[in-house]
């Protein structure tokens, strides 16, 4: 994932969470908000309570991999904050992949009819 497609600043995270909409599933909480850019941007958050830095970074890599596989299917011109839930730790990568795609399809269907 290129740096251009990443939400990094705390102010942007807070604004998307405060003013955006939210969808939840067993593995993820996704906050999203329309941006005025021709591409999507993603921010990933894995809480400290879930594990140490090595564990959190491993899950961020898994989430980035899922995003990279499917981002062409869901280009809505929006910013997304993806928060990993505790229940995702017990699930397989395939379950997380399915859960993420189901949520993104739901977001696209509800808000971005094409």
C-alpha atoms as a PDB file:
ATOM      1  CA  UNK A   1       0.000   0.000   0.000  1.00  0.00           C
ATOM      2  CA  UNK A   2       1.495   3.332  -1.050  1.00  0.00           C
ATOM      3  CA  UNK A   3       1.872   6.124   1.507  1.00  0.00           C
ATOM      4  CA  UNK A   4      -0.541   8.201  -0.527  1.00  0.00           C
ATOM      5  CA  UNK A   5      -3.348   5.826   0.454  1.00  0.00           C
ATOM      6  CA  UNK A   6      -2.734   5.904   4.222  1.00  0.00           C
ATOM      7  CA  UNK A   7      -4.411   8.030   6.887  1.00  0.00           C
ATOM      8  CA  UNK A   8      -1.704   8.686   9.466  1.00  0.00           C
ATOM      9  CA  UNK A   9      -2.377  11.924  11.321  1.00  0.00           C
ATOM     10  CA  UNK A  10      -4.230  11.704  14.621  1.00  0.00           C
ATOM     11  CA  UNK A  11      -6.400  14.691  13.666  1.00  0.00           C
ATOM     12  CA  UNK A  12      -7.612  12.878  10.538  1.00  0.00           C
ATOM     13  CA  UNK A  13      -8.305   9.688  12.526  1.00  0.00           C
ATOM     14  CA  UNK A  14     -10.311  11.658  15.092  1.00  0.00           C
ATOM     15  CA  UNK A  15     -12.293  13.563  12.460  1.00  0.00           C
ATOM     16  CA  UNK A  16     -13.243  10.421  10.537  1.00  0.00           C
ATOM     17  CA  UNK A  17     -14.295   8.663  13.745  1.00  0.00           C
ATOM     18  CA  UNK A  18     -16.237  11.660  15.048  1.00  0.00           C
ATOM     19  CA  UNK A  19     -17.975  12.778  11.839  1.00  0.00           C
ATOM     20  CA  UNK A  20     -18.057   9.576   9.798  1.00  0.00           C
ATOM     21  CA  UNK A  21     -20.382   6.622   9.704  1.00  0.00           C
ATOM     22  CA  UNK A  22     -19.655   3.224  11.205  1.00  0.00           C
ATOM     23  CA  UNK A  23     -20.154  -0.454  10.319  1.00  0.00           C
ATOM     24  CA  UNK A  24     -19.321  -3.310  12.667  1.00  0.00           C
ATOM     25  CA  UNK A  25     -18.708  -7.016  12.284  1.00  0.00           C
ATOM     26  CA  UNK A  26     -17.180  -9.813  14.301  1.00  0.00           C
ATOM     27  CA  UNK A  27     -13.593  -8.887  13.364  1.00  0.00           C
ATOM     28  CA  UNK A  28     -13.672  -5.187  12.525  1.00  0.00           C
ATOM     29  CA  UNK A  29     -15.144  -1.811  13.231  1.00  0.00           C
ATOM     30  CA  UNK A  30     -14.899   0.398  10.147  1.00  0.00           C
ATOM     31  CA  UNK A  31     -15.464   4.147  10.308  1.00  0.00           C
ATOM     32  CA  UNK A  32     -15.764   5.795   6.918  1.00  0.00           C
ATOM     33  CA  UNK A  33     -16.260   9.228   5.480  1.00  0.00           C
ATOM     34  CA  UNK A  34     -16.359  10.560   1.929  1.00  0.00           C
ATOM     35  CA  UNK A  35     -13.240  12.445   0.846  1.00  0.00           C
ATOM     36  CA  UNK A  36     -12.809  14.647  -2.190  1.00  0.00           C
ATOM     37  CA  UNK A  37     -10.035  12.548  -3.666  1.00  0.00           C
ATOM     38  CA  UNK A  38     -10.171  10.083  -6.579  1.00  0.00           C
ATOM     39  CA  UNK A  39      -8.858   7.266  -4.355  1.00  0.00           C
ATOM     40  CA  UNK A  40      -9.549   5.656  -0.991  1.00  0.00           C
ATOM     41  CA  UNK A  41      -7.349   6.121   2.053  1.00  0.00           C
ATOM     42  CA  UNK A  42      -7.068   3.652   4.920  1.00  0.00           C
ATOM     43  CA  UNK A  43      -6.026   3.912   8.548  1.00  0.00           C
ATOM     44  CA  UNK A  44      -5.498   0.778  10.623  1.00  0.00           C
ATOM     45  CA  UNK A  45      -5.682   0.551  14.395  1.00  0.00           C
ATOM     46  CA  UNK A  46      -4.875  -2.446  16.589  1.00  0.00           C
ATOM     47  CA  UNK A  47      -5.228  -1.685  20.299  1.00  0.00           C
ATOM     48  CA  UNK A  48      -2.441  -2.200  22.808  1.00  0.00           C
ATOM     49  CA  UNK A  49      -4.667  -4.473  24.875  1.00  0.00           C
ATOM     50  CA  UNK A  50      -4.559  -7.106  22.139  1.00  0.00           C
ATOM     51  CA  UNK A  51      -0.837  -7.775  22.353  1.00  0.00           C
ATOM     52  CA  UNK A  52       2.705  -6.490  22.116  1.00  0.00           C
ATOM     53  CA  UNK A  53       4.123  -4.479  19.199  1.00  0.00           C
ATOM     54  CA  UNK A  54       5.174  -7.573  17.240  1.00  0.00           C
ATOM     55  CA  UNK A  55       1.653  -9.008  17.503  1.00  0.00           C
ATOM     56  CA  UNK A  56      -0.018  -5.698  16.553  1.00  0.00           C
ATOM     57  CA  UNK A  57       2.255  -5.164  13.555  1.00  0.00           C
ATOM     58  CA  UNK A  58       1.611  -8.702  12.319  1.00  0.00           C
ATOM     59  CA  UNK A  59      -2.139  -8.037  12.344  1.00  0.00           C
ATOM     60  CA  UNK A  60      -1.655  -4.684  10.594  1.00  0.00           C
ATOM     61  CA  UNK A  61       0.251  -6.504   7.843  1.00  0.00           C
ATOM     62  CA  UNK A  62      -2.604  -9.003   7.518  1.00  0.00           C
ATOM     63  CA  UNK A  63      -5.159  -6.201   7.227  1.00  0.00           C
ATOM     64  CA  UNK A  64      -3.010  -4.362   4.653  1.00  0.00           C
ATOM     65  CA  UNK A  65      -2.793  -7.557   2.632  1.00  0.00           C
ATOM     66  CA  UNK A  66      -6.576  -7.911   2.646  1.00  0.00           C
ATOM     67  CA  UNK A  67      -6.976  -4.274   1.587  1.00  0.00           C
ATOM     68  CA  UNK A  68      -4.437  -4.628  -1.236  1.00  0.00           C
ATOM     69  CA  UNK A  69      -6.219  -7.692  -2.610  1.00  0.00           C
ATOM     70  CA  UNK A  70      -9.585  -5.978  -2.912  1.00  0.00           C
ATOM     71  CA  UNK A  71      -9.115  -2.202  -2.984  1.00  0.00           C
ATOM     72  CA  UNK A  72      -9.778  -2.017  -6.732  1.00  0.00           C
ATOM     73  CA  UNK A  73     -13.251  -3.453  -6.117  1.00  0.00           C
ATOM     74  CA  UNK A  74     -14.190  -0.818  -3.541  1.00  0.00           C
ATOM     75  CA  UNK A  75     -12.809   2.502  -4.790  1.00  0.00           C
ATOM     76  CA  UNK A  76     -15.383   4.942  -3.430  1.00  0.00           C
ATOM     77  CA  UNK A  77     -13.278   8.056  -2.802  1.00  0.00           C
ATOM     78  CA  UNK A  78     -13.562   7.650   0.967  1.00  0.00           C
ATOM     79  CA  UNK A  79     -11.394   7.508   4.064  1.00  0.00           C
ATOM     80  CA  UNK A  80     -11.623   4.363   6.193  1.00  0.00           C
ATOM     81  CA  UNK A  81     -10.450   3.721   9.733  1.00  0.00           C
ATOM     82  CA  UNK A  82     -10.266  -0.021  10.360  1.00  0.00           C
ATOM     83  CA  UNK A  83     -10.151  -1.094  13.990  1.00  0.00           C
ATOM     84  CA  UNK A  84      -9.390  -4.714  14.821  1.00  0.00           C
ATOM     85  CA  UNK A  85     -11.656  -6.270  17.432  1.00  0.00           C
ATOM     86  CA  UNK A  86     -10.492  -8.707  20.087  1.00  0.00           C
ATOM     87  CA  UNK A  87     -12.580 -11.524  18.596  1.00  0.00           C
ATOM     88  CA  UNK A  88     -10.514 -11.389  15.375  1.00  0.00           C
ATOM     89  CA  UNK A  89      -7.533 -12.880  17.199  1.00  0.00           C
ATOM     90  CA  UNK A  90      -9.205 -16.306  17.366  1.00  0.00           C
ATOM     91  CA  UNK A  91     -10.215 -16.249  13.691  1.00  0.00           C
ATOM     92  CA  UNK A  92      -8.283 -17.407  10.651  1.00  0.00           C
ATOM     93  CA  UNK A  93      -6.992 -15.111   7.936  1.00  0.00           C
ATOM     94  CA  UNK A  94      -9.713 -16.388   5.593  1.00  0.00           C
ATOM     95  CA  UNK A  95     -12.412 -15.498   8.140  1.00  0.00           C
ATOM     96  CA  UNK A  96     -10.974 -11.992   8.492  1.00  0.00           C
ATOM     97  CA  UNK A  97     -10.819 -11.659   4.707  1.00  0.00           C
ATOM     98  CA  UNK A  98     -14.454 -12.711   4.315  1.00  0.00           C
ATOM     99  CA  UNK A  99     -15.581 -10.428   7.154  1.00  0.00           C
ATOM    100  CA  UNK A 100     -13.768  -7.408   5.702  1.00  0.00           C
ATOM    101  CA  UNK A 101     -15.194  -7.932   2.226  1.00  0.00           C
ATOM    102  CA  UNK A 102     -18.695  -8.371   3.574  1.00  0.00           C
ATOM    103  CA  UNK A 103     -18.405  -5.068   5.465  1.00  0.00           C
ATOM    104  CA  UNK A 104     -16.966  -3.188   2.491  1.00  0.00           C
ATOM    105  CA  UNK A 105     -19.692  -4.535   0.216  1.00  0.00           C
ATOM    106  CA  UNK A 106     -22.283  -3.375   2.737  1.00  0.00           C
ATOM    107  CA  UNK A 107     -20.735   0.114   2.905  1.00  0.00           C
ATOM    108  CA  UNK A 108     -20.635   0.386  -0.862  1.00  0.00           C
ATOM    109  CA  UNK A 109     -24.205  -0.863  -1.267  1.00  0.00           C
ATOM    110  CA  UNK A 110     -25.626   1.474   1.407  1.00  0.00           C
ATOM    111  CA  UNK A 111     -23.812   4.665   0.519  1.00  0.00           C
ATOM    112  CA  UNK A 112     -22.134   4.635  -2.857  1.00  0.00           C
ATOM    113  CA  UNK A 113     -24.537   3.309  -5.469  1.00  0.00           C
ATOM    114  CA  UNK A 114     -22.769   3.037  -8.805  1.00  0.00           C
END
